[in-house]
Amino acid sequence: MKFTEEHEWLRVEGDLVVVGITEHASEQLGDVVFVELPEPGTQVAKGDEICVIESVKAASDISAPVDGEVVEVNDALADNPALVNEDPLEGAWFFKMKLEDMDQLDAFMDEDEYKDFIG
């Protein structure tokens, strides 16, 4: 698993990358009440804002961590946004992407580096 400085996690599954937010980010957001997901088939560039998360504290955007195509979204989050708080590293993945270049993952932190990052 890889981690971004924006508190997203990325897990490789075959030729796809699954993207979610970290437990740390989930805790910082507070109770999540709404998640807006991208449409499958959306082409994104690194940094594009593609998801919106609303919590009792604030609304936050999730940016595409890499270039690629969104191929699947987690519809369970639309029905139960609280999954982001309950199971951020497994059940609350946001979307799956097909990357243009898997080497883009080399730029992200591993788990130990991320733990040091958040202190």
C-alpha atoms as a PDB file:
ATOM      1  CA  MET A   1       0.000   0.000   0.000  1.00  0.00           C
ATOM      2  CA  LYS A   2       1.194   3.514  -0.812  1.00  0.00           C
ATOM      3  CA  PHE A   3       0.221   6.815   0.787  1.00  0.00           C
ATOM      4  CA  THR A   4       0.056  10.402  -0.449  1.00  0.00           C
ATOM      5  CA  GLU A   5       0.732  13.607   1.475  1.00  0.00           C
ATOM      6  CA  GLU A   6      -2.983  14.355   0.941  1.00  0.00           C
ATOM      7  CA  HIS A   7      -3.786  11.346   3.184  1.00  0.00           C
ATOM      8  CA  GLU A   8      -4.990   9.046   0.429  1.00  0.00           C
ATOM      9  CA  TRP A   9      -4.000   5.393   0.263  1.00  0.00           C
ATOM     10  CA  LEU A  10      -3.425   3.463  -2.945  1.00  0.00           C
ATOM     11  CA  ARG A  11      -3.514  -0.338  -3.209  1.00  0.00           C
ATOM     12  CA  VAL A  12      -2.547  -2.180  -6.395  1.00  0.00           C
ATOM     13  CA  GLU A  13      -4.980  -4.903  -7.520  1.00  0.00           C
ATOM     14  CA  GLY A  14      -3.765  -6.431 -10.782  1.00  0.00           C
ATOM     15  CA  ASP A  15      -3.530  -3.617 -13.309  1.00  0.00           C
ATOM     16  CA  LEU A  16      -5.782  -1.329 -11.235  1.00  0.00           C
ATOM     17  CA  VAL A  17      -5.175   0.947  -8.272  1.00  0.00           C
ATOM     18  CA  VAL A  18      -7.778   1.248  -5.519  1.00  0.00           C
ATOM     19  CA  VAL A  19      -7.933   4.663  -3.819  1.00  0.00           C
ATOM     20  CA  GLY A  20      -9.303   5.668  -0.420  1.00  0.00           C
ATOM     21  CA  ILE A  21      -8.456   7.971   2.461  1.00  0.00           C
ATOM     22  CA  THR A  22      -6.431   7.051   5.502  1.00  0.00           C
ATOM     23  CA  GLU A  23      -7.714   6.439   8.997  1.00  0.00           C
ATOM     24  CA  HIS A  24      -5.915   9.632  10.033  1.00  0.00           C
ATOM     25  CA  ALA A  25      -7.863  11.646   7.424  1.00  0.00           C
ATOM     26  CA  SER A  26     -11.119   9.975   8.434  1.00  0.00           C
ATOM     27  CA  GLU A  27     -10.547  10.928  12.061  1.00  0.00           C
ATOM     28  CA  GLN A  28      -9.683  14.515  11.111  1.00  0.00           C
ATOM     29  CA  LEU A  29     -12.888  14.851   9.063  1.00  0.00           C
ATOM     30  CA  GLY A  30     -15.224  13.694  11.808  1.00  0.00           C
ATOM     31  CA  ASP A  31     -18.513  12.009  10.958  1.00  0.00           C
ATOM     32  CA  VAL A  32     -18.867  11.750   7.167  1.00  0.00           C
ATOM     33  CA  VAL A  33     -22.420  12.439   5.983  1.00  0.00           C
ATOM     34  CA  PHE A  34     -22.090  12.556   2.170  1.00  0.00           C
ATOM     35  CA  VAL A  35     -19.733  11.316  -0.530  1.00  0.00           C
ATOM     36  CA  GLU A  36     -19.900  12.377  -4.180  1.00  0.00           C
ATOM     37  CA  LEU A  37     -18.031   9.949  -6.427  1.00  0.00           C
ATOM     38  CA  PRO A  38     -16.762  10.362 -10.007  1.00  0.00           C
ATOM     39  CA  GLU A  39     -18.407   8.643 -12.952  1.00  0.00           C
ATOM     40  CA  PRO A  40     -16.725   5.465 -14.187  1.00  0.00           C
ATOM     41  CA  GLY A  41     -14.978   6.192 -17.478  1.00  0.00           C
ATOM     42  CA  THR A  42     -13.773   9.614 -16.321  1.00  0.00           C
ATOM     43  CA  GLN A  43     -10.242  10.419 -17.484  1.00  0.00           C
ATOM     44  CA  VAL A  44      -8.306  12.285 -14.806  1.00  0.00           C
ATOM     45  CA  ALA A  45      -4.926  13.916 -14.420  1.00  0.00           C
ATOM     46  CA  LYS A  46      -2.977  13.950 -11.180  1.00  0.00           C
ATOM     47  CA  GLY A  47      -4.401  16.693  -8.980  1.00  0.00           C
ATOM     48  CA  ASP A  48      -7.863  16.823 -10.574  1.00  0.00           C
ATOM     49  CA  GLU A  49     -10.582  17.088  -7.943  1.00  0.00           C
ATOM     50  CA  ILE A  50     -12.790  14.061  -8.478  1.00  0.00           C
ATOM     51  CA  CYS A  51     -14.613  13.348  -5.188  1.00  0.00           C
ATOM     52  CA  VAL A  52     -16.295  15.455  -2.540  1.00  0.00           C
ATOM     53  CA  ILE A  53     -16.600  14.343   1.074  1.00  0.00           C
ATOM     54  CA  GLU A  54     -18.865  16.207   3.441  1.00  0.00           C
ATOM     55  CA  SER A  55     -18.616  15.716   7.172  1.00  0.00           C
ATOM     56  CA  VAL A  56     -20.172  17.389  10.156  1.00  0.00           C
ATOM     57  CA  LYS A  57     -17.033  19.578  10.279  1.00  0.00           C
ATOM     58  CA  ALA A  58     -16.364  20.502   6.630  1.00  0.00           C
ATOM     59  CA  ALA A  59     -16.437  19.545   2.967  1.00  0.00           C
ATOM     60  CA  SER A  60     -13.220  18.235   1.437  1.00  0.00           C
ATOM     61  CA  ASP A  61     -12.170  17.400  -2.089  1.00  0.00           C
ATOM     62  CA  ILE A  62     -10.333  14.239  -3.026  1.00  0.00           C
ATOM     63  CA  SER A  63      -7.856  14.695  -5.843  1.00  0.00           C
ATOM     64  CA  ALA A  64      -6.727  12.099  -8.342  1.00  0.00           C
ATOM     65  CA  PRO A  65      -3.352  10.902  -7.040  1.00  0.00           C
ATOM     66  CA  VAL A  66      -2.207   9.814 -10.508  1.00  0.00           C
ATOM     67  CA  ASP A  67      -3.115  10.088 -14.195  1.00  0.00           C
ATOM     68  CA  GLY A  68      -5.555   7.520 -15.502  1.00  0.00           C
ATOM     69  CA  GLU A  69      -9.154   6.442 -15.937  1.00  0.00           C
ATOM     70  CA  VAL A  70     -11.707   5.825 -13.196  1.00  0.00           C
ATOM     71  CA  VAL A  71     -13.044   2.360 -13.969  1.00  0.00           C
ATOM     72  CA  GLU A  72     -15.175   1.617 -10.905  1.00  0.00           C
ATOM     73  CA  VAL A  73     -16.592   3.475  -7.903  1.00  0.00           C
ATOM     74  CA  ASN A  74     -17.744   2.235  -4.501  1.00  0.00           C
ATOM     75  CA  ASP A  75     -21.501   2.759  -4.675  1.00  0.00           C
ATOM     76  CA  ALA A  76     -21.815   1.544  -1.068  1.00  0.00           C
ATOM     77  CA  LEU A  77     -20.471   4.949   0.038  1.00  0.00           C
ATOM     78  CA  ALA A  78     -23.427   6.761  -1.501  1.00  0.00           C
ATOM     79  CA  ASP A  79     -25.809   4.646   0.572  1.00  0.00           C
ATOM     80  CA  ASN A  80     -23.665   4.616   3.705  1.00  0.00           C
ATOM     81  CA  PRO A  81     -21.095   7.453   3.862  1.00  0.00           C
ATOM     82  CA  ALA A  82     -20.343   6.495   7.482  1.00  0.00           C
ATOM     83  CA  LEU A  83     -18.248   3.635   6.061  1.00  0.00           C
ATOM     84  CA  VAL A  84     -15.493   6.231   5.623  1.00  0.00           C
ATOM     85  CA  ASN A  85     -15.285   6.463   9.424  1.00  0.00           C
ATOM     86  CA  GLU A  86     -16.018   2.810  10.165  1.00  0.00           C
ATOM     87  CA  ASP A  87     -13.685   1.066   7.705  1.00  0.00           C
ATOM     88  CA  PRO A  88     -11.449   3.600   5.894  1.00  0.00           C
ATOM     89  CA  LEU A  89      -8.782   1.131   4.764  1.00  0.00           C
ATOM     90  CA  GLU A  90     -11.011  -1.638   3.369  1.00  0.00           C
ATOM     91  CA  GLY A  91     -14.738  -1.143   2.854  1.00  0.00           C
ATOM     92  CA  ALA A  92     -14.583   2.602   2.204  1.00  0.00           C
ATOM     93  CA  TRP A  93     -12.463   2.652  -0.942  1.00  0.00           C
ATOM     94  CA  PHE A  94     -13.594   5.457  -3.244  1.00  0.00           C
ATOM     95  CA  PHE A  95     -12.662   4.422  -6.764  1.00  0.00           C
ATOM     96  CA  LYS A  96     -10.498   2.148  -8.858  1.00  0.00           C
ATOM     97  CA  MET A  97      -8.257   3.562 -11.552  1.00  0.00           C
ATOM     98  CA  LYS A  98      -6.425   2.186 -14.537  1.00  0.00           C
ATOM     99  CA  LEU A  99      -3.142   4.066 -14.571  1.00  0.00           C
ATOM    100  CA  GLU A 100      -1.402   5.405 -17.626  1.00  0.00           C
ATOM    101  CA  ASP A 101       1.946   4.639 -15.957  1.00  0.00           C
ATOM    102  CA  MET A 102       2.277   2.360 -12.915  1.00  0.00           C
ATOM    103  CA  ASP A 103       5.692   3.926 -12.231  1.00  0.00           C
ATOM    104  CA  GLN A 104       3.792   6.943 -10.850  1.00  0.00           C
ATOM    105  CA  LEU A 105       3.278   4.891  -7.675  1.00  0.00           C
ATOM    106  CA  ASP A 106       7.008   5.015  -6.930  1.00  0.00           C
ATOM    107  CA  ALA A 107       6.655   8.643  -5.828  1.00  0.00           C
ATOM    108  CA  PHE A 108       4.428   7.830  -2.843  1.00  0.00           C
ATOM    109  CA  MET A 109       5.232   6.877   0.750  1.00  0.00           C
ATOM    110  CA  ASP A 110       5.140   3.382   2.170  1.00  0.00           C
ATOM    111  CA  GLU A 111       3.358   2.763   5.487  1.00  0.00           C
ATOM    112  CA  ASP A 112       6.366   3.533   7.719  1.00  0.00           C
ATOM    113  CA  GLU A 113       7.101   6.758   5.841  1.00  0.00           C
ATOM    114  CA  TYR A 114       3.442   7.785   6.132  1.00  0.00           C
ATOM    115  CA  LYS A 115       3.423   7.122   9.893  1.00  0.00           C
ATOM    116  CA  ASP A 116       6.482   9.356  10.232  1.00  0.00           C
ATOM    117  CA  PHE A 117       4.757  11.972   8.045  1.00  0.00           C
ATOM    118  CA  ILE A 118       1.690  12.226  10.277  1.00  0.00           C
ATOM    119  CA  GLY A 119       3.846  12.043  13.411  1.00  0.00           C
END
